[in-house]
C-alpha atoms as a PDB file:
ATOM      1  CA  MET A   1     -50.626   8.889  68.355  1.00  0.00           C
ATOM      2  CA  LEU A   2     -48.965   9.415  64.985  1.00  0.00           C
ATOM      3  CA  LEU A   3     -45.228   9.955  64.840  1.00  0.00           C
ATOM      4  CA  LYS A   4     -44.167  13.470  63.915  1.00  0.00           C
ATOM      5  CA  TYR A   5     -40.921  13.120  62.006  1.00  0.00           C
ATOM      6  CA  GLN A   6     -39.967  16.738  62.635  1.00  0.00           C
ATOM      7  CA  ASN A   7     -39.811  15.936  66.351  1.00  0.00           C
ATOM      8  CA  LEU A   8     -37.040  13.378  65.851  1.00  0.00           C
ATOM      9  CA  ASP A   9     -33.521  14.477  66.728  1.00  0.00           C
ATOM     10  CA  TRP A  10     -32.151  14.372  63.200  1.00  0.00           C
ATOM     11  CA  LYS A  11     -28.759  15.689  64.295  1.00  0.00           C
ATOM     12  CA  ILE A  12     -28.111  12.640  66.474  1.00  0.00           C
ATOM     13  CA  ILE A  13     -29.539  10.307  63.817  1.00  0.00           C
ATOM     14  CA  THR A  14     -27.292  11.841  61.145  1.00  0.00           C
ATOM     15  CA  VAL A  15     -24.190  11.671  63.337  1.00  0.00           C
ATOM     16  CA  ALA A  16     -24.859   8.018  64.223  1.00  0.00           C
ATOM     17  CA  LEU A  17     -25.355   7.145  60.556  1.00  0.00           C
ATOM     18  CA  LEU A  18     -22.191   8.988  59.516  1.00  0.00           C
ATOM     19  CA  LEU A  19     -20.145   7.218  62.203  1.00  0.00           C
ATOM     20  CA  SER A  20     -21.483   3.867  60.991  1.00  0.00           C
ATOM     21  CA  VAL A  21     -20.596   4.627  57.380  1.00  0.00           C
ATOM     22  CA  ILE A  22     -17.134   5.901  58.347  1.00  0.00           C
ATOM     23  CA  GLY A  23     -16.579   2.730  60.387  1.00  0.00           C
ATOM     24  CA  ILE A  24     -17.443   0.560  57.381  1.00  0.00           C
ATOM     25  CA  PHE A  25     -14.988   2.469  55.182  1.00  0.00           C
ATOM     26  CA  LEU A  26     -12.259   2.116  57.829  1.00  0.00           C
ATOM     27  CA  ILE A  27     -12.851  -1.643  58.044  1.00  0.00           C
ATOM     28  CA  MET A  28     -12.768  -1.930  54.262  1.00  0.00           C
ATOM     29  CA  SER A  29      -9.529   0.068  54.129  1.00  0.00           C
ATOM     30  CA  ALA A  30      -7.850  -1.883  56.948  1.00  0.00           C
ATOM     31  CA  GLN A  31      -8.659  -5.300  55.464  1.00  0.00           C
ATOM     32  CA  PHE A  32      -8.310  -4.501  51.777  1.00  0.00           C
ATOM     33  CA  TYR A  33      -5.077  -6.503  51.562  1.00  0.00           C
ATOM     34  CA  ALA A  34      -6.194  -9.326  53.886  1.00  0.00           C
ATOM     35  CA  ASP A  35      -4.984 -12.856  53.124  1.00  0.00           C
ATOM     36  CA  ASN A  36      -8.386 -14.562  52.980  1.00  0.00           C
ATOM     37  CA  GLU A  37     -11.722 -13.642  51.442  1.00  0.00           C
ATOM     38  CA  PHE A  38     -13.587 -13.719  54.774  1.00  0.00           C
ATOM     39  CA  GLN A  39     -11.471 -10.914  56.219  1.00  0.00           C
ATOM     40  CA  LYS A  40     -11.279  -9.061  52.931  1.00  0.00           C
ATOM     41  CA  ASN A  41     -15.076  -8.946  52.588  1.00  0.00           C
ATOM     42  CA  PHE A  42     -15.827  -8.440  56.272  1.00  0.00           C
ATOM     43  CA  TYR A  43     -17.088  -4.924  55.561  1.00  0.00           C
ATOM     44  CA  GLU A  44     -19.941  -6.438  53.539  1.00  0.00           C
ATOM     45  CA  ARG A  45     -21.306  -8.064  56.704  1.00  0.00           C
ATOM     46  CA  GLN A  46     -21.143  -4.696  58.427  1.00  0.00           C
ATOM     47  CA  ILE A  47     -23.196  -3.164  55.611  1.00  0.00           C
ATOM     48  CA  ILE A  48     -25.812  -5.897  56.035  1.00  0.00           C
ATOM     49  CA  TRP A  49     -25.988  -5.228  59.785  1.00  0.00           C
ATOM     50  CA  LEU A  50     -26.332  -1.494  59.140  1.00  0.00           C
ATOM     51  CA  VAL A  51     -29.271  -2.121  56.810  1.00  0.00           C
ATOM     52  CA  ILE A  52     -30.870  -4.407  59.417  1.00  0.00           C
ATOM     53  CA  ALA A  53     -30.309  -1.744  62.078  1.00  0.00           C
ATOM     54  CA  LEU A  54     -32.010   0.896  59.925  1.00  0.00           C
ATOM     55  CA  VAL A  55     -35.018  -1.384  59.408  1.00  0.00           C
ATOM     56  CA  VAL A  56     -35.258  -2.055  63.160  1.00  0.00           C
ATOM     57  CA  PHE A  57     -34.899   1.683  63.819  1.00  0.00           C
ATOM     58  CA  ALA A  58     -37.742   2.450  61.416  1.00  0.00           C
ATOM     59  CA  ILE A  59     -39.965  -0.051  63.242  1.00  0.00           C
ATOM     60  CA  ILE A  60     -39.075   1.070  66.766  1.00  0.00           C
ATOM     61  CA  ILE A  61     -39.663   4.794  66.219  1.00  0.00           C
ATOM     62  CA  HIS A  62     -43.252   3.970  65.258  1.00  0.00           C
ATOM     63  CA  MET A  63     -43.863   2.107  68.503  1.00  0.00           C
ATOM     64  CA  PRO A  64     -45.624   4.009  71.317  1.00  0.00           C
ATOM     65  CA  LEU A  65     -43.244   5.273  74.004  1.00  0.00           C
ATOM     66  CA  ARG A  66     -45.643   3.925  76.617  1.00  0.00           C
ATOM     67  CA  LEU A  67     -44.703   0.406  75.504  1.00  0.00           C
ATOM     68  CA  PHE A  68     -41.062   0.920  76.545  1.00  0.00           C
ATOM     69  CA  ASP A  69     -42.216   2.566  79.751  1.00  0.00           C
ATOM     70  CA  LEU A  70     -44.301  -0.456  80.731  1.00  0.00           C
ATOM     71  CA  THR A  71     -41.768  -3.107  79.708  1.00  0.00           C
ATOM     72  CA  ALA A  72     -38.526  -1.445  80.894  1.00  0.00           C
ATOM     73  CA  TYR A  73     -37.992  -3.651  83.951  1.00  0.00           C
ATOM     74  CA  LEU A  74     -39.180  -6.774  82.137  1.00  0.00           C
ATOM     75  CA  LEU A  75     -36.663  -6.210  79.325  1.00  0.00           C
ATOM     76  CA  TYR A  76     -33.946  -5.542  81.907  1.00  0.00           C
ATOM     77  CA  GLY A  77     -34.749  -8.820  83.669  1.00  0.00           C
ATOM     78  CA  ILE A  78     -34.637 -10.734  80.381  1.00  0.00           C
ATOM     79  CA  SER A  79     -31.242  -9.238  79.539  1.00  0.00           C
ATOM     80  CA  ILE A  80     -29.867 -10.260  82.966  1.00  0.00           C
ATOM     81  CA  LEU A  81     -31.204 -13.765  82.377  1.00  0.00           C
ATOM     82  CA  LEU A  82     -29.519 -13.892  78.966  1.00  0.00           C
ATOM     83  CA  LEU A  83     -26.221 -12.675  80.450  1.00  0.00           C
ATOM     84  CA  GLY A  84     -26.347 -15.520  82.950  1.00  0.00           C
ATOM     85  CA  LEU A  85     -27.429 -18.058  80.346  1.00  0.00           C
ATOM     86  CA  VAL A  86     -24.625 -17.184  77.916  1.00  0.00           C
ATOM     87  CA  LEU A  87     -22.082 -18.187  80.567  1.00  0.00           C
ATOM     88  CA  ILE A  88     -23.612 -21.692  80.596  1.00  0.00           C
ATOM     89  CA  VAL A  89     -24.552 -22.434  76.994  1.00  0.00           C
ATOM     90  CA  GLY A  90     -22.837 -19.610  75.089  1.00  0.00           C
ATOM     91  CA  SER A  91     -20.280 -19.999  72.326  1.00  0.00           C
ATOM     92  CA  SER A  92     -16.635 -19.649  73.413  1.00  0.00           C
ATOM     93  CA  LYS A  93     -14.074 -17.937  71.212  1.00  0.00           C
ATOM     94  CA  MET A  94     -10.547 -16.806  72.072  1.00  0.00           C
ATOM     95  CA  GLY A  95     -11.048 -17.679  75.726  1.00  0.00           C
ATOM     96  CA  ALA A  96     -14.284 -15.709  76.142  1.00  0.00           C
ATOM     97  CA  THR A  97     -17.912 -16.841  76.343  1.00  0.00           C
ATOM     98  CA  ARG A  98     -19.892 -13.864  75.104  1.00  0.00           C
ATOM     99  CA  TRP A  99     -22.203 -14.995  72.322  1.00  0.00           C
ATOM    100  CA  PHE A 100     -25.148 -17.151  71.397  1.00  0.00           C
ATOM    101  CA  SER A 101     -24.373 -18.739  68.038  1.00  0.00           C
ATOM    102  CA  PHE A 102     -27.170 -19.222  65.530  1.00  0.00           C
ATOM    103  CA  GLY A 103     -25.312 -20.523  62.511  1.00  0.00           C
ATOM    104  CA  PRO A 104     -23.539 -17.577  60.868  1.00  0.00           C
ATOM    105  CA  ILE A 105     -25.135 -15.133  63.330  1.00  0.00           C
ATOM    106  CA  ASN A 106     -23.648 -14.417  66.765  1.00  0.00           C
ATOM    107  CA  LEU A 107     -25.799 -12.603  69.326  1.00  0.00           C
ATOM    108  CA  ALA A 108     -24.085 -10.868  72.253  1.00  0.00           C
ATOM    109  CA  PRO A 109     -26.539 -10.341  75.149  1.00  0.00           C
ATOM    110  CA  SER A 110     -24.269  -7.607  76.500  1.00  0.00           C
ATOM    111  CA  ASP A 111     -25.341  -5.424  73.566  1.00  0.00           C
ATOM    112  CA  ILE A 112     -28.983  -5.977  74.506  1.00  0.00           C
ATOM    113  CA  ALA A 113     -28.180  -5.212  78.145  1.00  0.00           C
ATOM    114  CA  LYS A 114     -26.870  -1.755  77.214  1.00  0.00           C
ATOM    115  CA  LEU A 115     -30.279  -0.783  75.849  1.00  0.00           C
ATOM    116  CA  THR A 116     -32.311  -2.386  78.620  1.00  0.00           C
ATOM    117  CA  LEU A 117     -30.163  -0.683  81.270  1.00  0.00           C
ATOM    118  CA  ILE A 118     -30.939   2.680  79.691  1.00  0.00           C
ATOM    119  CA  PHE A 119     -34.655   1.827  79.700  1.00  0.00           C
ATOM    120  CA  SER A 120     -34.707   0.659  83.322  1.00  0.00           C
ATOM    121  CA  LEU A 121     -32.571   3.505  84.696  1.00  0.00           C
ATOM    122  CA  SER A 122     -34.585   6.088  82.769  1.00  0.00           C
ATOM    123  CA  ARG A 123     -37.874   4.690  84.032  1.00  0.00           C
ATOM    124  CA  PHE A 124     -36.688   4.591  87.633  1.00  0.00           C
ATOM    125  CA  MET A 125     -35.262   8.114  87.547  1.00  0.00           C
ATOM    126  CA  ALA A 126     -38.365   9.460  85.814  1.00  0.00           C
ATOM    127  CA  TYR A 127     -40.784   8.064  88.386  1.00  0.00           C
ATOM    128  CA  THR A 128     -38.879   8.283  91.656  1.00  0.00           C
ATOM    129  CA  LYS A 129     -39.711  11.246  93.860  1.00  0.00           C
ATOM    130  CA  ARG A 130     -36.352  11.157  95.592  1.00  0.00           C
ATOM    131  CA  PRO A 131     -33.911  14.006  94.845  1.00  0.00           C
ATOM    132  CA  SER A 132     -30.921  13.411  92.580  1.00  0.00           C
ATOM    133  CA  VAL A 133     -28.547  13.380  95.589  1.00  0.00           C
ATOM    134  CA  SER A 134     -30.603  10.813  97.518  1.00  0.00           C
ATOM    135  CA  LYS A 135     -28.358   7.993  98.749  1.00  0.00           C
ATOM    136  CA  ARG A 136     -31.109   5.432  98.180  1.00  0.00           C
ATOM    137  CA  ARG A 137     -31.659   6.638  94.627  1.00  0.00           C
ATOM    138  CA  LEU A 138     -27.926   6.490  93.882  1.00  0.00           C
ATOM    139  CA  LEU A 139     -27.655   3.035  95.468  1.00  0.00           C
ATOM    140  CA  ILE A 140     -30.570   1.527  93.530  1.00  0.00           C
ATOM    141  CA  THR A 141     -29.330   2.840  90.193  1.00  0.00           C
ATOM    142  CA  ALA A 142     -25.793   1.668  91.016  1.00  0.00           C
ATOM    143  CA  ILE A 143     -27.075  -1.847  91.796  1.00  0.00           C
ATOM    144  CA  LEU A 144     -29.034  -1.951  88.527  1.00  0.00           C
ATOM    145  CA  THR A 145     -25.791  -1.094  86.729  1.00  0.00           C
ATOM    146  CA  LEU A 146     -23.513  -3.422  88.686  1.00  0.00           C
ATOM    147  CA  LEU A 147     -25.567  -6.573  87.996  1.00  0.00           C
ATOM    148  CA  PRO A 148     -24.860  -6.670  84.227  1.00  0.00           C
ATOM    149  CA  ILE A 149     -21.284  -5.468  84.807  1.00  0.00           C
ATOM    150  CA  MET A 150     -20.482  -8.421  87.079  1.00  0.00           C
ATOM    151  CA  LEU A 151     -21.975 -10.926  84.628  1.00  0.00           C
ATOM    152  CA  ILE A 152     -20.109  -9.392  81.687  1.00  0.00           C
ATOM    153  CA  LEU A 153     -16.826  -9.451  83.608  1.00  0.00           C
ATOM    154  CA  LYS A 154     -17.362 -13.192  84.068  1.00  0.00           C
ATOM    155  CA  GLN A 155     -17.292 -13.709  80.277  1.00  0.00           C
ATOM    156  CA  PRO A 156     -14.725 -11.920  80.449  1.00  0.00           C
ATOM    157  CA  ASP A 157     -15.271  -8.650  78.556  1.00  0.00           C
ATOM    158  CA  LEU A 158     -13.715  -5.669  80.313  1.00  0.00           C
ATOM    159  CA  GLY A 159     -14.169  -3.302  77.367  1.00  0.00           C
ATOM    160  CA  THR A 160     -17.943  -3.765  77.183  1.00  0.00           C
ATOM    161  CA  SER A 161     -18.347  -3.650  80.968  1.00  0.00           C
ATOM    162  CA  LEU A 162     -16.802  -0.165  81.052  1.00  0.00           C
ATOM    163  CA  VAL A 163     -19.663   1.161  78.905  1.00  0.00           C
ATOM    164  CA  PHE A 164     -22.225   0.559  81.668  1.00  0.00           C
ATOM    165  CA  PRO A 165     -20.843   2.959  84.316  1.00  0.00           C
ATOM    166  CA  VAL A 166     -20.595   5.603  81.584  1.00  0.00           C
ATOM    167  CA  ILE A 167     -24.320   5.143  80.909  1.00  0.00           C
ATOM    168  CA  LEU A 168     -25.049   5.484  84.623  1.00  0.00           C
ATOM    169  CA  PHE A 169     -22.972   8.636  85.053  1.00  0.00           C
ATOM    170  CA  VAL A 170     -24.501  10.279  81.986  1.00  0.00           C
ATOM    171  CA  LEU A 171     -28.021   9.597  83.292  1.00  0.00           C
ATOM    172  CA  TRP A 172     -27.050  10.799  86.779  1.00  0.00           C
ATOM    173  CA  PHE A 173     -25.823  14.053  85.271  1.00  0.00           C
ATOM    174  CA  TRP A 174     -28.786  14.325  82.891  1.00  0.00           C
ATOM    175  CA  THR A 175     -31.252  13.989  85.784  1.00  0.00           C
ATOM    176  CA  GLY A 176     -29.658  16.757  87.831  1.00  0.00           C
ATOM    177  CA  LEU A 177     -26.769  15.321  89.832  1.00  0.00           C
ATOM    178  CA  SER A 178     -24.134  18.013  90.314  1.00  0.00           C
ATOM    179  CA  PRO A 179     -20.737  17.545  88.629  1.00  0.00           C
ATOM    180  CA  ALA A 180     -19.214  18.037  92.079  1.00  0.00           C
ATOM    181  CA  TYR A 181     -20.960  14.894  93.342  1.00  0.00           C
ATOM    182  CA  LEU A 182     -19.942  12.981  90.224  1.00  0.00           C
ATOM    183  CA  ILE A 183     -16.315  13.904  90.867  1.00  0.00           C
ATOM    184  CA  LEU A 184     -16.584  12.773  94.478  1.00  0.00           C
ATOM    185  CA  ILE A 185     -18.137   9.450  93.419  1.00  0.00           C
ATOM    186  CA  LEU A 186     -15.340   8.863  90.920  1.00  0.00           C
ATOM    187  CA  SER A 187     -12.579  10.053  93.217  1.00  0.00           C
ATOM    188  CA  PRO A 188     -12.060   6.762  95.163  1.00  0.00           C
ATOM    189  CA  LEU A 189     -11.392   4.832  91.952  1.00  0.00           C
ATOM    190  CA  VAL A 190      -9.116   7.526  90.549  1.00  0.00           C
ATOM    191  CA  SER A 191      -7.279   7.821  93.865  1.00  0.00           C
ATOM    192  CA  LEU A 192      -6.696   4.061  93.863  1.00  0.00           C
ATOM    193  CA  LEU A 193      -5.064   4.313  90.453  1.00  0.00           C
ATOM    194  CA  ALA A 194      -3.099   7.431  91.405  1.00  0.00           C
ATOM    195  CA  ALA A 195      -1.822   5.956  94.678  1.00  0.00           C
ATOM    196  CA  SER A 196       0.780   3.895  92.841  1.00  0.00           C
ATOM    197  CA  HIS A 197       3.197   6.839  93.041  1.00  0.00           C
ATOM    198  CA  ILE A 198       3.496   9.891  95.277  1.00  0.00           C
ATOM    199  CA  VAL A 199       3.720  12.263  92.307  1.00  0.00           C
ATOM    200  CA  THR A 200       0.494  11.022  90.675  1.00  0.00           C
ATOM    201  CA  TRP A 201      -1.183  11.066  94.103  1.00  0.00           C
ATOM    202  CA  VAL A 202      -0.294  14.740  94.674  1.00  0.00           C
ATOM    203  CA  ILE A 203      -1.367  15.670  91.137  1.00  0.00           C
ATOM    204  CA  TYR A 204      -4.654  13.863  91.690  1.00  0.00           C
ATOM    205  CA  LEU A 205      -5.380  15.750  94.931  1.00  0.00           C
ATOM    206  CA  VAL A 206      -4.574  19.091  93.341  1.00  0.00           C
ATOM    207  CA  VAL A 207      -6.801  18.383  90.327  1.00  0.00           C
ATOM    208  CA  LEU A 208      -9.613  17.138  92.579  1.00  0.00           C
ATOM    209  CA  PHE A 209      -9.738  20.186  94.839  1.00  0.00           C
ATOM    210  CA  VAL A 210      -9.267  22.659  91.999  1.00  0.00           C
ATOM    211  CA  SER A 211     -12.077  21.006  90.022  1.00  0.00           C
ATOM    212  CA  LEU A 212     -14.434  21.061  92.998  1.00  0.00           C
ATOM    213  CA  PHE A 213     -13.600  24.675  93.758  1.00  0.00           C
ATOM    214  CA  ILE A 214     -14.226  25.756  90.161  1.00  0.00           C
ATOM    215  CA  ILE A 215     -17.490  23.832  89.857  1.00  0.00           C
ATOM    216  CA  ARG A 216     -18.850  24.749  93.264  1.00  0.00           C
ATOM    217  CA  PRO A 217     -16.657  27.029  95.414  1.00  0.00           C
ATOM    218  CA  GLY A 218     -18.596  26.433  98.639  1.00  0.00           C
ATOM    219  CA  PHE A 219     -18.857  22.674  98.240  1.00  0.00           C
ATOM    220  CA  ILE A 220     -15.454  21.809  99.744  1.00  0.00           C
ATOM    221  CA  PHE A 221     -16.128  23.766 102.919  1.00  0.00           C
ATOM    222  CA  SER A 222     -19.643  22.354 103.320  1.00  0.00           C
ATOM    223  CA  VAL A 223     -18.583  18.679 103.183  1.00  0.00           C
END
């Protein structure tokens, strides 16, 4: 099946490209007066990676979607394997072991895991016949997300690990899970953070119940 370019979401593609270009200009501006040439010309490496990314993008969009459908779990498994392997033979910098070093090129398996998690979660949610509020469905998708998170936290890399629950919550919402349920799922973590002081705890409770009432007035009384 031939690719129809008009079917591509050009708005998202344009926004992603603009953000990449803006990021390169910000890096160039921030390091313009750097002390050494490596830092001063760091933006040039970002340009090279952007060009490589565009080439990879051009190749991938011409691949059949069925290929990603069939290999979703395989790619996820490979990414989990790489996340475990990087802890053993990865390159350590600034107290963290996050990369495979191939000369001047550093490969972070956590970046690969972001994509493979999207593939695996999307495939599972697309094929499962369980409703969006099914406890088993929520549990399976949560486990798929927690596995890479735990391995990434071992590196350690808290910033990257926080991206994975965002992916999960977006896909939960996209596949029909009510915002009220999302708030309830998040509430234990938020309450833990808010419990440090009575004022933040009270504010949290007020915001929680008001949000639930606005989103779904009958939800609070049905729980």
